[in-house]
């Protein structure tokens, strides 16, 4: 599946810790923004809880709190709009949005938003899992 045209509109957005809009975003903020604008999925901000936690706790909190709303997807069946959780320093600390062709849109501290291959040398060994929001247009229920 090729990368969608609209993905280009999100390249180069600036990083801002706890950012939630086009003026500045963190990794959850970017995923949240794109899912809202492109897929009509409104995800919680968690901005107040988020500010008091470490990066590892942030990702764990998102997965645990939202576990009934998300389901894990086997590697190789991910589609545009799914999320990919990535390990940093051996722990799940980063999230990106799957675009297609094994590429993701993501943002990191010190780096504006980019499209990068999660199957590339930098990330391939760091993929922790893929997740799909239940009710997502490509969601096939619990099959």
C-alpha atoms as a PDB file:
ATOM      1  CA  UNK A   1       0.000   0.000   0.000  1.00  0.00           C
ATOM      2  CA  UNK A   2       1.580   3.325  -1.020  1.00  0.00           C
ATOM      3  CA  UNK A   3       1.989   6.239   1.381  1.00  0.00           C
ATOM      4  CA  UNK A   4      -1.116   8.482   1.140  1.00  0.00           C
ATOM      5  CA  UNK A   5      -0.824  11.911  -0.434  1.00  0.00           C
ATOM      6  CA  UNK A   6      -2.131  13.666   2.682  1.00  0.00           C
ATOM      7  CA  UNK A   7       0.877  12.450   4.704  1.00  0.00           C
ATOM      8  CA  UNK A   8       2.970  15.188   3.103  1.00  0.00           C
ATOM      9  CA  UNK A   9       0.931  17.802   4.953  1.00  0.00           C
ATOM     10  CA  UNK A  10       2.354  16.545   8.239  1.00  0.00           C
ATOM     11  CA  UNK A  11       6.056  16.489   7.323  1.00  0.00           C
ATOM     12  CA  UNK A  12       8.166  19.106   9.087  1.00  0.00           C
ATOM     13  CA  UNK A  13       5.832  19.909  11.973  1.00  0.00           C
ATOM     14  CA  UNK A  14       7.894  21.022  14.980  1.00  0.00           C
ATOM     15  CA  UNK A  15       8.478  18.933  18.082  1.00  0.00           C
ATOM     16  CA  UNK A  16       7.117  20.314  21.337  1.00  0.00           C
ATOM     17  CA  UNK A  17       6.987  18.271  24.508  1.00  0.00           C
ATOM     18  CA  UNK A  18       3.302  17.759  25.372  1.00  0.00           C
ATOM     19  CA  UNK A  19       2.328  19.448  22.080  1.00  0.00           C
ATOM     20  CA  UNK A  20      -1.142  18.725  20.722  1.00  0.00           C
ATOM     21  CA  UNK A  21      -1.561  20.894  17.601  1.00  0.00           C
ATOM     22  CA  UNK A  22       0.157  22.004  14.394  1.00  0.00           C
ATOM     23  CA  UNK A  23       2.283  24.565  16.263  1.00  0.00           C
ATOM     24  CA  UNK A  24       4.126  21.758  18.084  1.00  0.00           C
ATOM     25  CA  UNK A  25       3.646  18.051  18.803  1.00  0.00           C
ATOM     26  CA  UNK A  26       5.101  15.122  20.658  1.00  0.00           C
ATOM     27  CA  UNK A  27       4.741  11.584  19.296  1.00  0.00           C
ATOM     28  CA  UNK A  28       1.291  10.954  20.875  1.00  0.00           C
ATOM     29  CA  UNK A  29       0.162  14.429  19.840  1.00  0.00           C
ATOM     30  CA  UNK A  30       1.081  13.717  16.209  1.00  0.00           C
ATOM     31  CA  UNK A  31      -0.728  10.357  16.126  1.00  0.00           C
ATOM     32  CA  UNK A  32      -3.746  11.935  17.827  1.00  0.00           C
ATOM     33  CA  UNK A  33      -3.814  14.892  15.407  1.00  0.00           C
ATOM     34  CA  UNK A  34      -3.586  12.772  12.246  1.00  0.00           C
ATOM     35  CA  UNK A  35      -6.174  10.232  13.390  1.00  0.00           C
ATOM     36  CA  UNK A  36      -8.575  13.098  14.149  1.00  0.00           C
ATOM     37  CA  UNK A  37      -7.996  15.033  10.930  1.00  0.00           C
ATOM     38  CA  UNK A  38      -7.734  12.150   8.471  1.00  0.00           C
ATOM     39  CA  UNK A  39      -9.896   9.422  10.025  1.00  0.00           C
ATOM     40  CA  UNK A  40     -12.331  11.270  12.289  1.00  0.00           C
ATOM     41  CA  UNK A  41     -11.085   9.440  15.403  1.00  0.00           C
ATOM     42  CA  UNK A  42     -10.999  11.620  18.524  1.00  0.00           C
ATOM     43  CA  UNK A  43      -8.439  10.285  20.988  1.00  0.00           C
ATOM     44  CA  UNK A  44      -7.954  11.618  24.509  1.00  0.00           C
ATOM     45  CA  UNK A  45      -5.195  14.146  25.044  1.00  0.00           C
ATOM     46  CA  UNK A  46      -4.027  12.885  28.438  1.00  0.00           C
ATOM     47  CA  UNK A  47      -2.107  16.135  28.673  1.00  0.00           C
ATOM     48  CA  UNK A  48      -2.566  16.574  32.440  1.00  0.00           C
ATOM     49  CA  UNK A  49      -1.672  12.986  33.356  1.00  0.00           C
ATOM     50  CA  UNK A  50       1.027  12.989  30.692  1.00  0.00           C
ATOM     51  CA  UNK A  51       2.930  15.898  32.217  1.00  0.00           C
ATOM     52  CA  UNK A  52       3.550  14.016  35.467  1.00  0.00           C
ATOM     53  CA  UNK A  53       4.961  10.800  33.994  1.00  0.00           C
ATOM     54  CA  UNK A  54       8.127   9.497  32.385  1.00  0.00           C
ATOM     55  CA  UNK A  55       8.149   8.602  28.674  1.00  0.00           C
ATOM     56  CA  UNK A  56       7.910   4.867  29.434  1.00  0.00           C
ATOM     57  CA  UNK A  57       4.985   5.476  31.778  1.00  0.00           C
ATOM     58  CA  UNK A  58       3.291   7.639  29.124  1.00  0.00           C
ATOM     59  CA  UNK A  59       3.225   4.910  26.485  1.00  0.00           C
ATOM     60  CA  UNK A  60       2.321   2.235  29.037  1.00  0.00           C
ATOM     61  CA  UNK A  61      -0.480   4.439  30.355  1.00  0.00           C
ATOM     62  CA  UNK A  62      -1.871   4.996  26.881  1.00  0.00           C
ATOM     63  CA  UNK A  63      -1.867   1.279  26.092  1.00  0.00           C
ATOM     64  CA  UNK A  64      -3.332   0.251  29.449  1.00  0.00           C
ATOM     65  CA  UNK A  65      -6.000   2.957  29.669  1.00  0.00           C
ATOM     66  CA  UNK A  66      -7.072   2.469  26.109  1.00  0.00           C
ATOM     67  CA  UNK A  67      -6.678  -1.330  25.961  1.00  0.00           C
ATOM     68  CA  UNK A  68     -10.389  -1.935  25.368  1.00  0.00           C
ATOM     69  CA  UNK A  69     -10.346   0.555  22.499  1.00  0.00           C
ATOM     70  CA  UNK A  70      -7.225  -0.789  20.773  1.00  0.00           C
ATOM     71  CA  UNK A  71      -6.276  -4.235  19.577  1.00  0.00           C
ATOM     72  CA  UNK A  72      -2.886  -5.628  18.721  1.00  0.00           C
ATOM     73  CA  UNK A  73      -2.366  -6.382  15.024  1.00  0.00           C
ATOM     74  CA  UNK A  74       0.037  -9.085  13.825  1.00  0.00           C
ATOM     75  CA  UNK A  75       3.126  -7.731  12.070  1.00  0.00           C
ATOM     76  CA  UNK A  76       2.563  -7.786   8.330  1.00  0.00           C
ATOM     77  CA  UNK A  77      -1.159  -7.001   8.553  1.00  0.00           C
ATOM     78  CA  UNK A  78      -0.818  -3.360   9.584  1.00  0.00           C
ATOM     79  CA  UNK A  79      -2.506  -0.749   7.382  1.00  0.00           C
ATOM     80  CA  UNK A  80      -2.475   3.022   7.060  1.00  0.00           C
ATOM     81  CA  UNK A  81      -3.830   4.525  10.274  1.00  0.00           C
ATOM     82  CA  UNK A  82      -2.575   1.800  12.600  1.00  0.00           C
ATOM     83  CA  UNK A  83      -0.032   2.739  15.242  1.00  0.00           C
ATOM     84  CA  UNK A  84       3.391   1.258  15.811  1.00  0.00           C
ATOM     85  CA  UNK A  85       4.914   1.195  19.292  1.00  0.00           C
ATOM     86  CA  UNK A  86       8.709   1.373  19.277  1.00  0.00           C
ATOM     87  CA  UNK A  87      11.309   0.612  21.905  1.00  0.00           C
ATOM     88  CA  UNK A  88      13.861   3.234  22.859  1.00  0.00           C
ATOM     89  CA  UNK A  89      16.582   2.190  25.288  1.00  0.00           C
ATOM     90  CA  UNK A  90      14.930  -1.248  25.317  1.00  0.00           C
ATOM     91  CA  UNK A  91      11.528  -0.035  26.514  1.00  0.00           C
ATOM     92  CA  UNK A  92       8.303   0.912  24.665  1.00  0.00           C
ATOM     93  CA  UNK A  93       8.641   4.689  24.649  1.00  0.00           C
ATOM     94  CA  UNK A  94       7.698   5.922  21.190  1.00  0.00           C
ATOM     95  CA  UNK A  95       4.656   5.788  18.913  1.00  0.00           C
ATOM     96  CA  UNK A  96       4.291   6.411  15.194  1.00  0.00           C
ATOM     97  CA  UNK A  97       1.476   6.230  12.657  1.00  0.00           C
ATOM     98  CA  UNK A  98       1.656   3.526   9.983  1.00  0.00           C
ATOM     99  CA  UNK A  99       1.311   4.990   6.477  1.00  0.00           C
ATOM    100  CA  UNK A 100       1.987   2.069   4.123  1.00  0.00           C
ATOM    101  CA  UNK A 101       4.986   0.435   2.459  1.00  0.00           C
ATOM    102  CA  UNK A 102       6.338  -0.228   5.973  1.00  0.00           C
ATOM    103  CA  UNK A 103       6.694   3.494   6.602  1.00  0.00           C
ATOM    104  CA  UNK A 104       5.520   5.606   9.511  1.00  0.00           C
ATOM    105  CA  UNK A 105       4.961   9.233  10.322  1.00  0.00           C
ATOM    106  CA  UNK A 106       6.558  10.169  13.636  1.00  0.00           C
ATOM    107  CA  UNK A 107       8.234  12.937  15.578  1.00  0.00           C
ATOM    108  CA  UNK A 108      10.997  12.978  18.177  1.00  0.00           C
ATOM    109  CA  UNK A 109      12.615  15.514  20.459  1.00  0.00           C
ATOM    110  CA  UNK A 110      14.974  17.598  18.342  1.00  0.00           C
ATOM    111  CA  UNK A 111      13.571  16.282  15.048  1.00  0.00           C
ATOM    112  CA  UNK A 112      10.585  17.672  13.160  1.00  0.00           C
ATOM    113  CA  UNK A 113       7.959  15.188  11.981  1.00  0.00           C
ATOM    114  CA  UNK A 114       9.208  12.834   9.270  1.00  0.00           C
ATOM    115  CA  UNK A 115       8.273   9.781   7.282  1.00  0.00           C
ATOM    116  CA  UNK A 116      10.651   6.934   8.029  1.00  0.00           C
ATOM    117  CA  UNK A 117      10.703   3.181   7.436  1.00  0.00           C
ATOM    118  CA  UNK A 118       9.952   1.226  10.592  1.00  0.00           C
ATOM    119  CA  UNK A 119      11.407  -1.736   8.692  1.00  0.00           C
ATOM    120  CA  UNK A 120      14.631   0.221   8.143  1.00  0.00           C
ATOM    121  CA  UNK A 121      17.912  -0.329   9.964  1.00  0.00           C
ATOM    122  CA  UNK A 122      17.190   2.242  12.686  1.00  0.00           C
ATOM    123  CA  UNK A 123      13.820   0.845  13.817  1.00  0.00           C
ATOM    124  CA  UNK A 124      13.331  -2.755  12.621  1.00  0.00           C
ATOM    125  CA  UNK A 125      14.683  -4.348  15.810  1.00  0.00           C
ATOM    126  CA  UNK A 126      12.820  -1.824  17.964  1.00  0.00           C
ATOM    127  CA  UNK A 127       9.234  -2.486  16.860  1.00  0.00           C
ATOM    128  CA  UNK A 128       7.286  -3.526  19.952  1.00  0.00           C
ATOM    129  CA  UNK A 129       3.911  -3.995  18.248  1.00  0.00           C
ATOM    130  CA  UNK A 130       1.176  -2.672  15.991  1.00  0.00           C
ATOM    131  CA  UNK A 131      -2.218  -1.514  17.226  1.00  0.00           C
ATOM    132  CA  UNK A 132      -5.523  -0.625  15.575  1.00  0.00           C
ATOM    133  CA  UNK A 133      -8.226   1.511  17.100  1.00  0.00           C
ATOM    134  CA  UNK A 134     -11.475  -0.462  17.404  1.00  0.00           C
ATOM    135  CA  UNK A 135     -14.059   1.046  15.083  1.00  0.00           C
ATOM    136  CA  UNK A 136     -11.330   2.260  12.742  1.00  0.00           C
ATOM    137  CA  UNK A 137     -12.500   2.152   9.081  1.00  0.00           C
ATOM    138  CA  UNK A 138     -10.208  -0.839   8.430  1.00  0.00           C
ATOM    139  CA  UNK A 139     -11.172  -2.637  11.656  1.00  0.00           C
ATOM    140  CA  UNK A 140     -12.674  -6.056  11.015  1.00  0.00           C
ATOM    141  CA  UNK A 141     -13.925  -6.520  14.567  1.00  0.00           C
ATOM    142  CA  UNK A 142     -12.294  -9.276  16.591  1.00  0.00           C
ATOM    143  CA  UNK A 143     -11.523 -11.536  13.661  1.00  0.00           C
END
